[in-house]
């Protein structure tokens, strides 16, 4: 009983995360300001990271967890670089 409940909860979480990624992608493409687009990109990478974690739980494979870690690190660096670019107009000084 608990294994089927866990599998159902993971599948439901994956559907909701895919929906969150679709909404973030829409805001990324449609956002009226650059700040909205940076926030959408931040939301998109966090949702992608969580989706990879749920795939790892579903498949019981540790490779997904490492991929989620890489997505998280690259997303953080991208968000920091975009924020610096929006504040100063240049990334590398």
Protein backbone atom coordinates (compact mmCIF):
# COMPACT_ATOMS: atom_id res chain seq x y z
CA UNK A 1 0.00 0.00 0.00
CA UNK A 2 2.69 2.51 0.93
CA UNK A 3 4.77 1.77 -2.20
CA UNK A 4 1.82 2.51 -4.47
CA UNK A 5 1.02 5.65 -2.50
CA UNK A 6 4.62 6.82 -2.85
CA UNK A 7 4.64 6.08 -6.59
CA UNK A 8 1.40 8.02 -7.01
CA UNK A 9 2.72 10.97 -5.02
CA UNK A 10 5.92 11.07 -7.08
CA UNK A 11 3.96 10.93 -10.34
CA UNK A 12 1.69 13.74 -9.10
CA UNK A 13 4.72 15.82 -8.10
CA UNK A 14 6.27 15.28 -11.54
CA UNK A 15 3.10 16.49 -13.25
CA UNK A 16 2.98 19.60 -11.06
CA UNK A 17 6.67 20.31 -11.62
CA UNK A 18 6.21 19.99 -15.38
CA UNK A 19 3.32 22.44 -15.14
CA UNK A 20 5.50 24.84 -13.12
CA UNK A 21 8.23 24.56 -15.75
CA UNK A 22 5.71 25.36 -18.51
CA UNK A 23 4.50 28.44 -16.63
CA UNK A 24 8.08 29.58 -16.01
CA UNK A 25 8.97 29.07 -19.67
CA UNK A 26 5.96 31.15 -20.67
CA UNK A 27 7.07 33.95 -18.36
CA UNK A 28 10.64 33.63 -19.67
CA UNK A 29 9.47 34.15 -23.23
CA UNK A 30 6.72 36.66 -22.52
CA UNK A 31 8.04 38.62 -19.51
CA UNK A 32 7.66 42.36 -19.94
CA UNK A 33 10.87 43.24 -18.07
CA UNK A 34 14.31 41.68 -17.83
CA UNK A 35 13.86 41.14 -14.08
CA UNK A 36 10.79 39.00 -14.76
CA UNK A 37 12.79 36.90 -17.19
CA UNK A 38 15.64 36.37 -14.72
CA UNK A 39 13.16 35.29 -12.05
CA UNK A 40 11.51 32.94 -14.54
CA UNK A 41 14.89 31.43 -15.39
CA UNK A 42 15.59 30.94 -11.69
CA UNK A 43 12.23 29.24 -11.23
CA UNK A 44 12.83 27.11 -14.31
CA UNK A 45 16.14 25.71 -13.12
CA UNK A 46 14.83 25.01 -9.62
CA UNK A 47 11.84 23.14 -11.07
CA UNK A 48 14.15 21.21 -13.42
CA UNK A 49 16.37 20.29 -10.51
CA UNK A 50 13.42 19.05 -8.48
CA UNK A 51 12.09 17.12 -11.46
CA UNK A 52 15.44 15.36 -11.78
CA UNK A 53 15.28 14.50 -8.08
CA UNK A 54 11.83 12.99 -8.46
CA UNK A 55 13.05 10.96 -11.46
CA UNK A 56 15.90 9.72 -9.27
CA UNK A 57 13.47 8.66 -6.56
CA UNK A 58 11.20 6.96 -9.07
CA UNK A 59 13.96 5.04 -10.84
CA UNK A 60 16.14 4.51 -7.71
CA UNK A 61 19.20 5.69 -9.62
CA UNK A 62 21.83 7.96 -8.07
CA UNK A 63 22.85 9.41 -11.44
CA UNK A 64 19.77 11.66 -11.41
CA UNK A 65 20.83 13.15 -8.09
CA UNK A 66 24.22 14.09 -9.51
CA UNK A 67 22.54 15.65 -12.55
CA UNK A 68 20.29 17.66 -10.21
CA UNK A 69 23.37 18.91 -8.38
CA UNK A 70 24.95 20.05 -11.65
CA UNK A 71 21.72 21.81 -12.67
CA UNK A 72 21.60 23.58 -9.31
CA UNK A 73 25.19 24.79 -9.50
CA UNK A 74 24.93 26.00 -13.09
CA UNK A 75 21.60 27.68 -12.40
CA UNK A 76 23.01 29.56 -9.44
CA UNK A 77 25.98 30.81 -11.46
CA UNK A 78 23.69 31.85 -14.33
CA UNK A 79 21.37 33.74 -11.99
CA UNK A 80 24.29 35.53 -10.32
CA UNK A 81 25.79 36.48 -13.70
CA UNK A 82 22.47 37.78 -15.03
CA UNK A 83 21.84 39.79 -11.86
CA UNK A 84 25.30 41.37 -12.12
CA UNK A 85 24.71 42.14 -15.79
CA UNK A 86 21.39 43.82 -15.02
CA UNK A 87 22.93 45.92 -12.23
CA UNK A 88 26.19 46.99 -13.90
CA UNK A 89 25.80 46.26 -17.60
CA UNK A 90 28.81 43.93 -17.69
CA UNK A 91 29.59 40.50 -16.27
CA UNK A 92 33.38 40.44 -16.37
CA UNK A 93 35.20 43.51 -15.13
